[in-house]
Amino acid sequence: MASSNAPEIVMTGPLMAYAADQLKERFVVHELWKAADRDALLREIADRVRGVAAGGGHNRVDAALFDALPKLEIVASFGVGYDHVDAAEAGRRGLIVTNTPDVLTDEVADLAIGLLLATVRQLPQVDRYLREGKWLKGAYPLTTSLRKRSVGIVGLGRIGKAVAHRLEAFGLPVAYHGRSRQADVAYRYYPSLIDMAADVDTLISVAPGGASTHHIINAEVLKALGPNGILVNVGRGTVVDEAALIKALQDKTILSAGLDVFEDEPRVPADLIAMDHVVLLPHVGSASVHTREQMGQLLVDNLVSWFEGKGPKTPVPETPVRDR
């Protein structure tokens, strides 16, 4: 356990033991989610807490928490996505927010390709077909194929580029949509998502959450994708208008979808669960022991580096690295 004069931090939700144990060795840790009276705990520790370890799903780290912790300096968030943290507000207050990029890039990109293959070739459905003894009565119906497909990536960041690299190995043409053209890639750029959807038959979304991407994959985009279209989402569920997607799948406006993320996790619409022609995963893109340990280590390293006076290792763009 940390000494009594170690920096004090709040942990907003549970983290894996690999990271949590390290935090408890180096810091005085207050486990906010365990408090019988959250507000009372915050009042008690307000003048001592200098850091937040943001883990445990989608617990909000926002202005209300910043107000409750006037001595706060840094929020270390677990995951590459940090839409559960109001980073813009943190930046306005001179606070640092860090995330855990890079260490999960390959894992999520691998999962995206696996989810694409599972959706195109109906692998979960084929597995169930065999287990239910149906093969004894006849072969599984033919599926669609990756052959002759073209892919549009929504959000060509670190993970998006890793997905594109893997798609090239399959011989598939790749295009991308994002806020701006990237000079260092040769893939075709579409400033309009609808135009890209009309020109491809497979969309893979790796886009982050937040107001700027909310429901950008909507009914119009799905209609443009067309009846042979497949949507794979490993970014954030809020990027897709889930109601429009359900209707597009029910009406056969698009062919299928492979989803690792949803709008209101862990609640998944019953209409999606009832569909046999989609593949649904419980947000497991980075969920291997190897990768989650690396993510936890980077969260710890950000806090340790900050309190040793060395600055944050992976600050997010919205927050400045200020002199201490």
Protein backbone atom coordinates (compact mmCIF):
# COMPACT_ATOMS: atom_id res chain seq x y z
CA MET A 1 0.00 0.00 0.00
CA ALA A 2 1.06 3.56 -0.65
CA SER A 3 2.40 5.74 2.14
CA SER A 4 0.03 8.23 3.72
CA ASN A 5 1.84 11.15 2.07
CA ALA A 6 1.52 9.73 -1.45
CA PRO A 7 -0.63 11.68 -3.94
CA GLU A 8 -4.33 11.00 -3.58
CA ILE A 9 -6.46 9.96 -6.56
CA VAL A 10 -10.03 8.93 -7.23
CA MET A 11 -10.84 5.78 -9.17
CA THR A 12 -14.27 6.31 -10.75
CA GLY A 13 -14.94 2.66 -11.55
CA PRO A 14 -13.29 -0.74 -11.29
CA LEU A 15 -10.06 -1.41 -13.16
CA MET A 16 -8.44 -4.77 -13.71
CA ALA A 17 -6.28 -5.87 -10.78
CA TYR A 18 -3.10 -5.53 -12.88
CA ALA A 19 -3.57 -1.74 -12.94
CA ALA A 20 -5.53 -1.22 -9.73
CA ASP A 21 -2.90 -2.95 -7.59
CA GLN A 22 -0.15 -0.76 -9.04
CA LEU A 23 -2.18 2.38 -8.36
CA LYS A 24 -2.71 1.33 -4.74
CA GLU A 25 1.03 0.79 -4.33
CA ARG A 26 1.86 4.29 -5.53
CA PHE A 27 -1.16 6.42 -4.56
CA VAL A 28 -3.80 6.80 -1.90
CA VAL A 29 -6.77 5.55 -3.91
CA HIS A 30 -10.41 6.43 -3.21
CA GLU A 31 -12.79 4.01 -4.95
CA LEU A 32 -15.69 6.28 -5.79
CA TRP A 33 -18.07 3.62 -7.10
CA LYS A 34 -17.92 1.75 -3.77
CA ALA A 35 -18.98 4.75 -1.70
CA ALA A 36 -22.34 4.46 0.05
CA ASP A 37 -22.65 8.25 -0.31
CA ARG A 38 -20.69 9.43 -3.34
CA ASP A 39 -21.18 13.13 -2.66
CA ALA A 40 -20.15 12.78 0.98
CA LEU A 41 -16.93 11.04 -0.02
CA LEU A 42 -16.14 13.74 -2.55
CA ARG A 43 -16.67 16.46 0.06
CA GLU A 44 -14.39 14.65 2.48
CA ILE A 45 -11.48 14.27 0.02
CA ALA A 46 -12.04 17.39 -2.11
CA ASP A 47 -8.97 19.32 -0.93
CA ARG A 48 -6.60 16.36 -1.21
CA VAL A 49 -7.32 14.63 -4.51
CA ARG A 50 -5.05 15.59 -7.40
CA GLY A 51 -5.76 12.83 -9.93
CA VAL A 52 -8.52 10.68 -11.37
CA ALA A 53 -8.21 7.18 -12.82
CA ALA A 54 -11.23 6.89 -15.10
CA GLY A 55 -12.22 3.29 -15.64
CA GLY A 56 -15.18 1.02 -15.24
CA GLY A 57 -17.31 1.55 -18.30
CA HIS A 58 -18.93 4.90 -19.02
CA ASN A 59 -18.84 6.74 -15.68
CA ARG A 60 -18.92 10.42 -16.59
CA VAL A 61 -15.95 12.62 -15.72
CA ASP A 62 -17.31 16.09 -16.29
CA ALA A 63 -17.67 19.59 -14.90
CA ALA A 64 -19.57 18.35 -11.85
CA LEU A 65 -16.66 16.13 -10.83
CA PHE A 66 -14.15 18.86 -11.64
CA ASP A 67 -16.10 21.24 -9.39
CA ALA A 68 -16.09 18.66 -6.61
CA LEU A 69 -12.30 18.23 -6.84
CA PRO A 70 -10.78 21.74 -6.88
CA LYS A 71 -7.20 20.45 -6.53
CA LEU A 72 -7.50 18.11 -9.52
CA GLU A 73 -4.61 18.17 -12.00
CA ILE A 74 -4.97 15.09 -14.24
CA VAL A 75 -7.54 12.57 -15.47
CA ALA A 76 -6.03 9.32 -16.75
CA SER A 77 -8.65 7.49 -18.80
CA PHE A 78 -8.63 3.78 -19.65
CA GLY A 79 -9.19 3.25 -23.40
CA VAL A 80 -8.41 5.05 -26.60
CA GLY A 81 -11.90 6.56 -26.72
CA TYR A 82 -12.56 9.16 -24.03
CA ASP A 83 -16.03 10.51 -24.84
CA HIS A 84 -17.01 9.75 -21.20
CA VAL A 85 -14.58 12.52 -20.19
CA ASP A 86 -15.40 16.17 -20.89
CA ALA A 87 -11.94 16.84 -22.27
CA ALA A 88 -12.90 20.24 -23.68
CA GLU A 89 -14.01 21.43 -20.25
CA ALA A 90 -10.87 19.96 -18.73
CA GLY A 91 -8.80 21.91 -21.22
CA ARG A 92 -10.59 25.13 -20.35
CA ARG A 93 -9.70 24.55 -16.71
CA GLY A 94 -6.06 23.74 -17.43
CA LEU A 95 -6.45 20.07 -16.50
CA ILE A 96 -4.69 17.23 -18.29
CA VAL A 97 -6.59 14.27 -19.76
CA THR A 98 -4.75 11.19 -20.99
CA ASN A 99 -5.96 8.09 -22.82
CA THR A 100 -4.35 4.79 -23.84
CA PRO A 101 -3.73 4.89 -27.61
CA ASP A 102 -1.49 2.65 -29.74
CA VAL A 103 -1.34 -0.28 -27.31
CA LEU A 104 -4.76 -1.51 -28.47
CA THR A 105 -4.49 -0.64 -32.16
CA ASP A 106 -3.59 -4.09 -33.46
CA GLU A 107 -6.05 -5.91 -31.21
CA VAL A 108 -9.01 -3.81 -32.32
CA ALA A 109 -7.95 -3.94 -35.97
CA ASP A 110 -7.72 -7.74 -35.75
CA LEU A 111 -11.18 -7.86 -34.20
CA ALA A 112 -12.58 -5.62 -36.94
CA ILE A 113 -11.35 -7.98 -39.63
CA GLY A 114 -12.61 -10.99 -37.69
CA LEU A 115 -16.01 -9.35 -37.28
CA LEU A 116 -16.11 -8.52 -40.98
CA LEU A 117 -15.35 -12.13 -41.92
CA ALA A 118 -17.86 -13.45 -39.39
CA THR A 119 -20.55 -11.18 -40.80
CA VAL A 120 -19.84 -11.83 -44.47
CA ARG A 121 -19.50 -15.60 -44.11
CA GLN A 122 -22.08 -15.90 -41.30
CA LEU A 123 -19.65 -17.79 -39.06
CA PRO A 124 -21.71 -17.67 -35.82
CA GLN A 125 -24.79 -18.82 -37.72
CA VAL A 126 -22.85 -21.64 -39.40
CA ASP A 127 -21.51 -22.73 -36.01
CA ARG A 128 -25.05 -22.86 -34.59
CA TYR A 129 -26.23 -24.78 -37.66
CA LEU A 130 -23.72 -27.55 -36.98
CA ARG A 131 -24.32 -27.64 -33.22
CA GLU A 132 -28.07 -27.95 -33.73
CA GLY A 133 -27.59 -31.05 -35.90
CA LYS A 134 -28.86 -29.37 -39.06
CA TRP A 135 -25.84 -30.41 -41.15
CA LEU A 136 -27.15 -33.98 -40.95
CA LYS A 137 -30.16 -32.80 -42.96
CA GLY A 138 -28.29 -30.78 -45.57
CA ALA A 139 -25.55 -28.28 -46.30
CA TYR A 140 -25.65 -24.72 -44.99
CA PRO A 141 -26.92 -22.25 -47.62
CA LEU A 142 -24.30 -20.35 -49.60
CA THR A 143 -23.22 -17.01 -48.18
CA THR A 144 -21.96 -13.77 -49.65
CA SER A 145 -18.20 -13.27 -50.02
CA LEU A 146 -15.39 -10.79 -49.53
CA ARG A 147 -14.52 -11.24 -53.18
CA LYS A 148 -15.28 -8.16 -55.26
CA ARG A 149 -16.20 -6.12 -52.20
CA SER A 150 -14.96 -2.60 -51.67
CA VAL A 151 -14.56 -1.03 -48.23
CA GLY A 152 -15.03 2.47 -46.92
CA ILE A 153 -13.49 3.25 -43.53
CA VAL A 154 -15.15 5.86 -41.35
CA GLY A 155 -12.37 7.39 -39.27
CA LEU A 156 -8.86 6.76 -40.58
CA GLY A 157 -6.95 7.18 -37.33
CA ARG A 158 -4.45 4.75 -35.86
CA ILE A 159 -6.92 1.87 -35.77
CA GLY A 160 -8.46 2.80 -39.11
CA LYS A 161 -5.05 2.68 -40.79
CA ALA A 162 -4.33 -0.71 -39.20
CA VAL A 163 -7.67 -2.01 -40.50
CA ALA A 164 -6.89 -0.65 -43.98
CA HIS A 165 -3.48 -2.35 -43.96
CA ARG A 166 -5.14 -5.69 -43.18
CA LEU A 167 -7.77 -5.17 -45.86
CA GLU A 168 -5.05 -4.62 -48.43
CA ALA A 169 -3.76 -8.12 -47.64
CA PHE A 170 -7.18 -9.42 -48.67
CA GLY A 171 -6.90 -7.57 -51.97
CA LEU A 172 -9.80 -5.24 -51.21
CA PRO A 173 -9.92 -1.63 -52.42
CA VAL A 174 -10.08 0.85 -49.54
CA ALA A 175 -11.49 4.36 -49.31
CA TYR A 176 -12.01 6.58 -46.29
CA HIS A 177 -14.09 9.41 -44.90
CA GLY A 178 -12.97 11.80 -42.19
CA ARG A 179 -12.78 15.47 -41.31
CA SER A 180 -9.98 16.08 -43.79
CA ARG A 181 -7.82 14.40 -46.41
CA GLN A 182 -4.64 12.78 -45.07
CA ALA A 183 -1.52 13.51 -47.08
CA ASP A 184 0.34 10.37 -46.05
CA VAL A 185 -2.13 7.77 -47.39
CA ALA A 186 -2.97 6.72 -50.94
CA TYR A 187 -6.53 5.59 -50.26
CA ARG A 188 -9.31 7.51 -51.97
CA TYR A 189 -10.71 10.25 -49.75
CA TYR A 190 -14.40 11.18 -49.62
CA PRO A 191 -15.37 14.44 -47.92
CA SER A 192 -18.98 13.20 -48.10
CA LEU A 193 -19.90 10.05 -46.18
CA ILE A 194 -23.01 9.53 -48.30
CA ASP A 195 -20.93 9.67 -51.48
CA MET A 196 -18.51 7.10 -50.10
CA ALA A 197 -21.34 4.80 -49.00
CA ALA A 198 -22.78 4.96 -52.53
CA ASP A 199 -19.45 3.92 -54.04
CA VAL A 200 -18.64 1.00 -51.70
CA ASP A 201 -20.61 -1.96 -50.39
CA THR A 202 -18.93 -2.31 -46.99
CA LEU A 203 -18.55 0.33 -44.29
CA ILE A 204 -16.24 -0.16 -41.33
CA SER A 205 -16.65 2.50 -38.66
CA VAL A 206 -13.72 3.16 -36.35
CA ALA A 207 -14.87 6.68 -35.57
CA PRO A 208 -14.75 8.04 -32.00
CA GLY A 209 -17.84 9.15 -30.15
CA GLY A 210 -18.90 12.68 -29.33
CA ALA A 211 -21.13 15.39 -30.73
CA SER A 212 -19.25 15.71 -34.03
CA THR A 213 -19.84 12.06 -34.97
CA HIS A 214 -23.27 11.50 -33.41
CA HIS A 215 -25.49 9.52 -35.83
CA ILE A 216 -23.36 10.36 -38.87
CA ILE A 217 -24.22 6.88 -40.16
CA ASN A 218 -27.92 7.50 -40.60
CA ALA A 219 -30.81 6.34 -42.79
CA GLU A 220 -29.50 8.24 -45.82
CA VAL A 221 -26.03 6.71 -45.53
CA LEU A 222 -27.48 3.20 -45.13
CA LYS A 223 -29.72 3.70 -48.14
CA ALA A 224 -26.71 4.78 -50.18
CA LEU A 225 -24.80 1.68 -49.02
CA GLY A 226 -27.48 -0.42 -50.69
CA PRO A 227 -29.00 -3.92 -50.52
CA ASN A 228 -25.63 -5.69 -50.73
CA GLY A 229 -24.22 -3.42 -48.04
CA ILE A 230 -22.58 -4.52 -44.81
CA LEU A 231 -21.85 -2.25 -41.84
CA VAL A 232 -19.18 -3.14 -39.29
CA ASN A 233 -18.81 -0.89 -36.24
CA VAL A 234 -15.89 -1.22 -33.81
CA GLY A 235 -15.67 2.48 -32.92
CA ARG A 236 -18.50 3.94 -30.87
CA GLY A 237 -22.17 2.99 -30.92
CA THR A 238 -23.32 6.61 -30.99
CA VAL A 239 -21.84 7.05 -34.47
CA VAL A 240 -24.71 4.95 -35.87
CA ASP A 241 -28.39 5.88 -35.70
CA GLU A 242 -29.40 2.55 -34.17
CA ALA A 243 -33.11 2.93 -34.93
CA ALA A 244 -32.34 3.68 -38.58
CA LEU A 245 -30.00 0.70 -38.72
CA ILE A 246 -32.63 -1.65 -37.31
CA LYS A 247 -35.15 -0.45 -39.89
CA ALA A 248 -32.60 -0.78 -42.71
CA LEU A 249 -31.88 -4.37 -41.66
CA GLN A 250 -35.56 -5.23 -41.29
CA ASP A 251 -36.44 -3.71 -44.66
CA LYS A 252 -33.37 -5.26 -46.35
CA THR A 253 -32.14 -1.78 -47.26
CA ILE A 254 -28.73 -3.26 -46.37
CA LEU A 255 -27.66 -6.89 -46.22
CA SER A 256 -26.17 -7.26 -42.75
CA ALA A 257 -24.20 -5.72 -39.89
CA GLY A 258 -21.44 -6.75 -37.51
CA LEU A 259 -21.50 -4.68 -34.33
CA ASP A 260 -19.13 -4.59 -31.37
CA VAL A 261 -20.54 -1.33 -29.97
CA PHE A 262 -24.01 0.04 -29.29
CA GLU A 263 -25.72 3.30 -28.40
CA ASP A 264 -26.72 2.40 -24.84
CA GLU A 265 -24.28 -0.26 -23.67
CA PRO A 266 -24.70 -2.83 -22.27
CA ARG A 267 -28.35 -2.62 -23.30
CA VAL A 268 -28.75 -3.95 -26.85
CA PRO A 269 -32.11 -3.51 -28.62
CA ALA A 270 -34.25 -6.64 -28.67
CA ASP A 271 -34.89 -6.06 -32.37
CA LEU A 272 -31.18 -6.48 -33.09
CA ILE A 273 -30.86 -9.55 -30.89
CA ALA A 274 -33.82 -11.14 -32.68
CA MET A 275 -32.14 -10.84 -36.08
CA ASP A 276 -30.33 -13.97 -37.21
CA HIS A 277 -28.48 -12.29 -40.07
CA VAL A 278 -26.37 -9.93 -37.93
CA VAL A 279 -23.34 -10.58 -35.72
CA LEU A 280 -23.30 -8.94 -32.29
CA LEU A 281 -20.37 -8.75 -29.86
CA PRO A 282 -20.33 -7.24 -26.33
CA HIS A 283 -17.71 -4.50 -26.94
CA VAL A 284 -14.71 -6.82 -26.89
CA GLY A 285 -12.50 -5.04 -29.44
CA SER A 286 -9.54 -4.72 -27.08
CA ALA A 287 -10.60 -7.43 -24.67
CA SER A 288 -7.59 -9.69 -24.49
CA VAL A 289 -5.50 -10.12 -21.35
CA HIS A 290 -2.40 -8.95 -23.21
CA THR A 291 -3.91 -5.73 -24.53
CA ARG A 292 -5.93 -4.80 -21.46
CA GLU A 293 -2.80 -5.15 -19.32
CA GLN A 294 -0.93 -2.83 -21.68
CA MET A 295 -3.79 -0.33 -21.51
CA GLY A 296 -3.84 -0.50 -17.73
CA GLN A 297 -0.08 -0.05 -17.60
CA LEU A 298 -0.27 3.08 -19.75
CA LEU A 299 -2.96 4.55 -17.48
CA VAL A 300 -0.69 3.91 -14.49
CA ASP A 301 2.35 5.28 -16.33
CA ASN A 302 0.54 8.51 -17.16
CA LEU A 303 -0.28 9.15 -13.52
CA VAL A 304 3.17 8.17 -12.27
CA SER A 305 4.90 10.30 -14.89
CA TRP A 306 2.73 13.30 -14.05
CA PHE A 307 3.30 13.15 -10.31
CA GLU A 308 7.04 12.60 -10.82
CA GLY A 309 7.08 15.92 -12.66
CA LYS A 310 7.80 14.39 -16.08
CA GLY A 311 4.52 15.34 -17.71
CA PRO A 312 1.84 13.10 -19.22
CA LYS A 313 2.82 10.37 -21.66
CA THR A 314 -0.30 10.42 -23.86
CA PRO A 315 -2.29 13.64 -23.41
CA VAL A 316 -5.38 14.09 -25.57
CA PRO A 317 -5.47 17.01 -28.03
CA GLU A 318 -8.04 19.01 -26.07
CA THR A 319 -5.86 19.46 -23.01
CA PRO A 320 -2.68 21.53 -22.85
CA VAL A 321 0.56 20.34 -21.31
CA ARG A 322 1.21 23.18 -18.93
CA ASP A 323 4.28 24.01 -16.91
CA ARG A 324 4.15 22.78 -13.35
